[in-house]
Amino acid sequence: MKILQVIKIALLIVVLAEEIRNARNYKKVIVKLSEIKKGIDTPQKINTLREIRKNQIDFLKTL
């Protein structure tokens, strides 16, 4: 379970870095920071993971 949490937090950091790089939505950046601080155990965990996957796909399309 600890390994999964570390992976999830690492993915959040990757998405956070992309949001900061784009600097287009400061609210999203603040939300990501708060999720990392909480350690990903939030009620919106499933939605967050879907959003992470979507953001990663969007990021890969920009490469």
PDB file of N, CA and C in Angstrom:
ATOM      1  N   MET A   1       0.833  -1.206   0.000  1.00  0.00           N
ATOM      2  CA  MET A   1       0.000   0.000   0.000  1.00  0.00           C
ATOM      3  C   MET A   1       0.866   1.254   0.000  1.00  0.00           C
ATOM      4  N   LYS A   2       1.956   1.238   0.738  1.00  0.00           N
ATOM      5  CA  LYS A   2       2.847   2.404   0.800  1.00  0.00           C
ATOM      6  C   LYS A   2       3.429   2.702  -0.579  1.00  0.00           C
ATOM      7  N   ILE A   3       3.799   1.651  -1.320  1.00  0.00           N
ATOM      8  CA  ILE A   3       4.395   1.850  -2.645  1.00  0.00           C
ATOM      9  C   ILE A   3       3.394   2.525  -3.567  1.00  0.00           C
ATOM     10  N   LEU A   4       2.136   2.099  -3.509  1.00  0.00           N
ATOM     11  CA  LEU A   4       1.107   2.720  -4.347  1.00  0.00           C
ATOM     12  C   LEU A   4       0.929   4.189  -3.998  1.00  0.00           C
ATOM     13  N   GLN A   5       0.956   4.517  -2.715  1.00  0.00           N
ATOM     14  CA  GLN A   5       0.818   5.917  -2.313  1.00  0.00           C
ATOM     15  C   GLN A   5       1.983   6.745  -2.824  1.00  0.00           C
ATOM     16  N   VAL A   6       3.188   6.191  -2.762  1.00  0.00           N
ATOM     17  CA  VAL A   6       4.364   6.911  -3.261  1.00  0.00           C
ATOM     18  C   VAL A   6       4.238   7.145  -4.757  1.00  0.00           C
ATOM     19  N   ILE A   7       3.780   6.120  -5.490  1.00  0.00           N
ATOM     20  CA  ILE A   7       3.599   6.261  -6.941  1.00  0.00           C
ATOM     21  C   ILE A   7       2.547   7.315  -7.238  1.00  0.00           C
ATOM     22  N   LYS A   8       1.441   7.301  -6.505  1.00  0.00           N
ATOM     23  CA  LYS A   8       0.375   8.281  -6.733  1.00  0.00           C
ATOM     24  C   LYS A   8       0.863   9.696  -6.458  1.00  0.00           C
ATOM     25  N   ILE A   9       1.616   9.865  -5.390  1.00  0.00           N
ATOM     26  CA  ILE A   9       2.142  11.194  -5.070  1.00  0.00           C
ATOM     27  C   ILE A   9       3.139  11.631  -6.135  1.00  0.00           C
ATOM     28  N   ALA A  10       3.955  10.695  -6.613  1.00  0.00           N
ATOM     29  CA  ALA A  10       4.907  11.025  -7.679  1.00  0.00           C
ATOM     30  C   ALA A  10       4.168  11.462  -8.941  1.00  0.00           C
ATOM     31  N   LEU A  11       3.083  10.776  -9.263  1.00  0.00           N
ATOM     32  CA  LEU A  11       2.289  11.164 -10.434  1.00  0.00           C
ATOM     33  C   LEU A  11       1.674  12.543 -10.237  1.00  0.00           C
ATOM     34  N   LEU A  12       1.207  12.825  -9.037  1.00  0.00           N
ATOM     35  CA  LEU A  12       0.664  14.156  -8.754  1.00  0.00           C
ATOM     36  C   LEU A  12       1.729  15.228  -8.925  1.00  0.00           C
ATOM     37  N   ILE A  13       2.947  14.926  -8.506  1.00  0.00           N
ATOM     38  CA  ILE A  13       4.034  15.895  -8.653  1.00  0.00           C
ATOM     39  C   ILE A  13       4.331  16.141 -10.125  1.00  0.00           C
ATOM     40  N   VAL A  14       4.285  15.082 -10.939  1.00  0.00           N
ATOM     41  CA  VAL A  14       4.508  15.241 -12.383  1.00  0.00           C
ATOM     42  C   VAL A  14       3.437  16.136 -12.982  1.00  0.00           C
ATOM     43  N   VAL A  15       2.189  15.885 -12.631  1.00  0.00           N
ATOM     44  CA  VAL A  15       1.090  16.706 -13.145  1.00  0.00           C
ATOM     45  C   VAL A  15       1.224  18.137 -12.637  1.00  0.00           C
ATOM     46  N   LEU A  16       1.588  18.284 -11.376  1.00  0.00           N
ATOM     47  CA  LEU A  16       1.783  19.614 -10.800  1.00  0.00           C
ATOM     48  C   LEU A  16       2.873  20.374 -11.550  1.00  0.00           C
ATOM     49  N   ALA A  17       3.961  19.694 -11.842  1.00  0.00           N
ATOM     50  CA  ALA A  17       5.052  20.344 -12.580  1.00  0.00           C
ATOM     51  C   ALA A  17       4.573  20.804 -13.954  1.00  0.00           C
ATOM     52  N   GLU A  18       3.765  19.998 -14.603  1.00  0.00           N
ATOM     53  CA  GLU A  18       3.231  20.380 -15.916  1.00  0.00           C
ATOM     54  C   GLU A  18       2.314  21.595 -15.794  1.00  0.00           C
ATOM     55  N   GLU A  19       1.463  21.609 -14.768  1.00  0.00           N
ATOM     56  CA  GLU A  19       0.569  22.751 -14.575  1.00  0.00           C
ATOM     57  C   GLU A  19       1.366  24.024 -14.305  1.00  0.00           C
ATOM     58  N   ILE A  20       2.420  23.902 -13.512  1.00  0.00           N
ATOM     59  CA  ILE A  20       3.249  25.076 -13.229  1.00  0.00           C
ATOM     60  C   ILE A  20       3.948  25.532 -14.503  1.00  0.00           C
ATOM     61  N   ARG A  21       4.433  24.572 -15.295  1.00  0.00           N
ATOM     62  CA  ARG A  21       5.130  24.919 -16.539  1.00  0.00           C
ATOM     63  C   ARG A  21       4.197  25.680 -17.475  1.00  0.00           C
ATOM     64  N   ASN A  22       2.988  25.206 -17.564  1.00  0.00           N
ATOM     65  CA  ASN A  22       2.014  25.884 -18.429  1.00  0.00           C
ATOM     66  C   ASN A  22       1.513  27.170 -17.789  1.00  0.00           C
ATOM     67  N   ALA A  23       1.460  27.188 -16.468  1.00  0.00           N
ATOM     68  CA  ALA A  23       1.021  28.355 -15.688  1.00  0.00           C
ATOM     69  C   ALA A  23      -0.286  28.928 -16.215  1.00  0.00           C
ATOM     70  N   ARG A  24      -1.217  28.044 -16.538  1.00  0.00           N
ATOM     71  CA  ARG A  24      -2.481  28.522 -17.103  1.00  0.00           C
ATOM     72  C   ARG A  24      -3.620  28.457 -16.102  1.00  0.00           C
ATOM     73  N   ASN A  25      -3.448  27.622 -15.080  1.00  0.00           N
ATOM     74  CA  ASN A  25      -4.542  27.483 -14.124  1.00  0.00           C
ATOM     75  C   ASN A  25      -3.979  27.361 -12.705  1.00  0.00           C
ATOM     76  N   TYR A  26      -3.861  28.495 -12.041  1.00  0.00           N
ATOM     77  CA  TYR A  26      -3.269  28.508 -10.702  1.00  0.00           C
ATOM     78  C   TYR A  26      -4.122  27.743  -9.695  1.00  0.00           C
ATOM     79  N   LYS A  27      -5.432  27.737  -9.891  1.00  0.00           N
ATOM     80  CA  LYS A  27      -6.299  27.021  -8.955  1.00  0.00           C
ATOM     81  C   LYS A  27      -5.983  25.523  -8.974  1.00  0.00           C
ATOM     82  N   LYS A  28      -5.760  24.966 -10.169  1.00  0.00           N
ATOM     83  CA  LYS A  28      -5.407  23.549 -10.268  1.00  0.00           C
ATOM     84  C   LYS A  28      -4.102  23.266  -9.537  1.00  0.00           C
ATOM     85  N   VAL A  29      -3.142  24.172  -9.663  1.00  0.00           N
ATOM     86  CA  VAL A  29      -1.849  23.988  -9.002  1.00  0.00           C
ATOM     87  C   VAL A  29      -2.037  23.944  -7.491  1.00  0.00           C
ATOM     88  N   ILE A  30      -2.849  24.847  -6.964  1.00  0.00           N
ATOM     89  CA  ILE A  30      -3.106  24.881  -5.519  1.00  0.00           C
ATOM     90  C   ILE A  30      -3.798  23.598  -5.073  1.00  0.00           C
ATOM     91  N   VAL A  31      -4.754  23.106  -5.875  1.00  0.00           N
ATOM     92  CA  VAL A  31      -5.451  21.861  -5.539  1.00  0.00           C
ATOM     93  C   VAL A  31      -4.467  20.698  -5.516  1.00  0.00           C
ATOM     94  N   LYS A  32      -3.591  20.636  -6.506  1.00  0.00           N
ATOM     95  CA  LYS A  32      -2.605  19.545  -6.550  1.00  0.00           C
ATOM     96  C   LYS A  32      -1.683  19.598  -5.332  1.00  0.00           C
ATOM     97  N   LEU A  33      -1.241  20.795  -4.968  1.00  0.00           N
ATOM     98  CA  LEU A  33      -0.376  20.934  -3.793  1.00  0.00           C
ATOM     99  C   LEU A  33      -1.084  20.442  -2.536  1.00  0.00           C
ATOM    100  N   SER A  34      -2.359  20.782  -2.393  1.00  0.00           N
ATOM    101  CA  SER A  34      -3.092  20.356  -1.200  1.00  0.00           C
ATOM    102  C   SER A  34      -3.289  18.843  -1.199  1.00  0.00           C
ATOM    103  N   GLU A  35      -3.459  18.235  -2.390  1.00  0.00           N
ATOM    104  CA  GLU A  35      -3.616  16.779  -2.455  1.00  0.00           C
ATOM    105  C   GLU A  35      -2.320  16.084  -2.064  1.00  0.00           C
ATOM    106  N   ILE A  36      -1.208  16.631  -2.514  1.00  0.00           N
ATOM    107  CA  ILE A  36       0.082  16.046  -2.155  1.00  0.00           C
ATOM    108  C   ILE A  36       0.290  16.157  -0.646  1.00  0.00           C
ATOM    109  N   LYS A  37      -0.082  17.301  -0.095  1.00  0.00           N
ATOM    110  CA  LYS A  37       0.080  17.518   1.349  1.00  0.00           C
ATOM    111  C   LYS A  37      -0.750  16.511   2.146  1.00  0.00           C
ATOM    112  N   LYS A  38      -1.957  16.212   1.679  1.00  0.00           N
ATOM    113  CA  LYS A  38      -2.827  15.264   2.378  1.00  0.00           C
ATOM    114  C   LYS A  38      -2.369  13.824   2.178  1.00  0.00           C
ATOM    115  N   GLY A  39      -1.591  13.569   1.146  1.00  0.00           N
ATOM    116  CA  GLY A  39      -1.119  12.209   0.897  1.00  0.00           C
ATOM    117  C   GLY A  39      -2.089  11.394   0.074  1.00  0.00           C
ATOM    118  N   ILE A  40      -2.841  12.018  -0.779  1.00  0.00           N
ATOM    119  CA  ILE A  40      -3.734  11.427  -1.791  1.00  0.00           C
ATOM    120  C   ILE A  40      -4.977  10.749  -1.216  1.00  0.00           C
ATOM    121  N   ASP A  41      -5.076  10.535   0.083  1.00  0.00           N
ATOM    122  CA  ASP A  41      -6.244   9.868   0.634  1.00  0.00           C
ATOM    123  C   ASP A  41      -7.394  10.851   0.801  1.00  0.00           C
ATOM    124  N   THR A  42      -8.031  11.160  -0.305  1.00  0.00           N
ATOM    125  CA  THR A  42      -9.161  12.076  -0.304  1.00  0.00           C
ATOM    126  C   THR A  42     -10.384  11.358  -0.856  1.00  0.00           C
ATOM    127  N   PRO A  43     -11.581  11.840  -0.577  1.00  0.00           N
ATOM    128  CA  PRO A  43     -12.787  11.207  -1.120  1.00  0.00           C
ATOM    129  C   PRO A  43     -12.820  11.222  -2.649  1.00  0.00           C
ATOM    130  N   GLN A  44     -12.150  12.188  -3.248  1.00  0.00           N
ATOM    131  CA  GLN A  44     -12.165  12.289  -4.706  1.00  0.00           C
ATOM    132  C   GLN A  44     -10.999  11.530  -5.329  1.00  0.00           C
ATOM    133  N   LYS A  45     -10.528  10.498  -4.647  1.00  0.00           N
ATOM    134  CA  LYS A  45      -9.325   9.792  -5.100  1.00  0.00           C
ATOM    135  C   LYS A  45      -9.483   9.262  -6.529  1.00  0.00           C
ATOM    136  N   ILE A  46     -10.612   8.635  -6.819  1.00  0.00           N
ATOM    137  CA  ILE A  46     -10.812   8.047  -8.149  1.00  0.00           C
ATOM    138  C   ILE A  46     -10.846   9.137  -9.209  1.00  0.00           C
ATOM    139  N   ASN A  47     -11.580  10.215  -8.948  1.00  0.00           N
ATOM    140  CA  ASN A  47     -11.631  11.312  -9.906  1.00  0.00           C
ATOM    141  C   ASN A  47     -10.256  11.934 -10.090  1.00  0.00           C
ATOM    142  N   THR A  48      -9.505  12.038  -9.015  1.00  0.00           N
ATOM    143  CA  THR A  48      -8.162  12.608  -9.091  1.00  0.00           C
ATOM    144  C   THR A  48      -7.287  11.744  -9.982  1.00  0.00           C
ATOM    145  N   LEU A  49      -7.364  10.438  -9.811  1.00  0.00           N
ATOM    146  CA  LEU A  49      -6.537   9.547 -10.623  1.00  0.00           C
ATOM    147  C   LEU A  49      -6.939   9.617 -12.093  1.00  0.00           C
ATOM    148  N   ARG A  50      -8.240   9.741 -12.357  1.00  0.00           N
ATOM    149  CA  ARG A  50      -8.687   9.904 -13.750  1.00  0.00           C
ATOM    150  C   ARG A  50      -8.146  11.202 -14.329  1.00  0.00           C
ATOM    151  N   GLU A  51      -8.188  12.257 -13.535  1.00  0.00           N
ATOM    152  CA  GLU A  51      -7.675  13.555 -13.981  1.00  0.00           C
ATOM    153  C   GLU A  51      -6.170  13.474 -14.242  1.00  0.00           C
ATOM    154  N   ILE A  52      -5.462  12.756 -13.383  1.00  0.00           N
ATOM    155  CA  ILE A  52      -4.015  12.595 -13.573  1.00  0.00           C
ATOM    156  C   ILE A  52      -3.747  11.893 -14.896  1.00  0.00           C
ATOM    157  N   ARG A  53      -4.466  10.807 -15.149  1.00  0.00           N
ATOM    158  CA  ARG A  53      -4.264  10.080 -16.408  1.00  0.00           C
ATOM    159  C   ARG A  53      -4.573  10.970 -17.599  1.00  0.00           C
ATOM    160  N   LYS A  54      -5.657  11.721 -17.520  1.00  0.00           N
ATOM    161  CA  LYS A  54      -6.033  12.617 -18.616  1.00  0.00           C
ATOM    162  C   LYS A  54      -4.947  13.666 -18.839  1.00  0.00           C
ATOM    163  N   ASN A  55      -4.450  14.252 -17.755  1.00  0.00           N
ATOM    164  CA  ASN A  55      -3.395  15.259 -17.874  1.00  0.00           C
ATOM    165  C   ASN A  55      -2.115  14.663 -18.436  1.00  0.00           C
ATOM    166  N   GLN A  56      -1.810  13.426 -18.055  1.00  0.00           N
ATOM    167  CA  GLN A  56      -0.605  12.790 -18.588  1.00  0.00           C
ATOM    168  C   GLN A  56      -0.750  12.534 -20.084  1.00  0.00           C
ATOM    169  N   ILE A  57      -1.933  12.104 -20.513  1.00  0.00           N
ATOM    170  CA  ILE A  57      -2.167  11.882 -21.940  1.00  0.00           C
ATOM    171  C   ILE A  57      -2.049  13.199 -22.691  1.00  0.00           C
ATOM    172  N   ASP A  58      -2.643  14.258 -22.143  1.00  0.00           N
ATOM    173  CA  ASP A  58      -2.536  15.576 -22.777  1.00  0.00           C
ATOM    174  C   ASP A  58      -1.082  16.016 -22.862  1.00  0.00           C
ATOM    175  N   PHE A  59      -0.326  15.746 -21.801  1.00  0.00           N
ATOM    176  CA  PHE A  59       1.092  16.130 -21.793  1.00  0.00           C
ATOM    177  C   PHE A  59       1.859  15.357 -22.866  1.00  0.00           C
ATOM    178  N   LEU A  60       1.593  14.059 -22.976  1.00  0.00           N
ATOM    179  CA  LEU A  60       2.301  13.254 -23.973  1.00  0.00           C
ATOM    180  C   LEU A  60       1.972  13.706 -25.392  1.00  0.00           C
ATOM    181  N   LYS A  61       0.761  14.190 -25.610  1.00  0.00           N
ATOM    182  CA  LYS A  61       0.384  14.690 -26.939  1.00  0.00           C
ATOM    183  C   LYS A  61       1.165  15.945 -27.303  1.00  0.00           C
ATOM    184  N   THR A  62       1.603  16.703 -26.282  1.00  0.00           N
ATOM    185  CA  THR A  62       2.336  17.939 -26.569  1.00  0.00           C
ATOM    186  C   THR A  62       3.800  17.678 -26.888  1.00  0.00           C
ATOM    187  N   LEU A  63       4.284  16.463 -26.634  1.00  0.00           N
ATOM    188  CA  LEU A  63       5.703  16.163 -26.890  1.00  0.00           C
ATOM    189  C   LEU A  63       5.976  15.973 -28.362  1.00  0.00           C
TER     190      LEU A  63
END
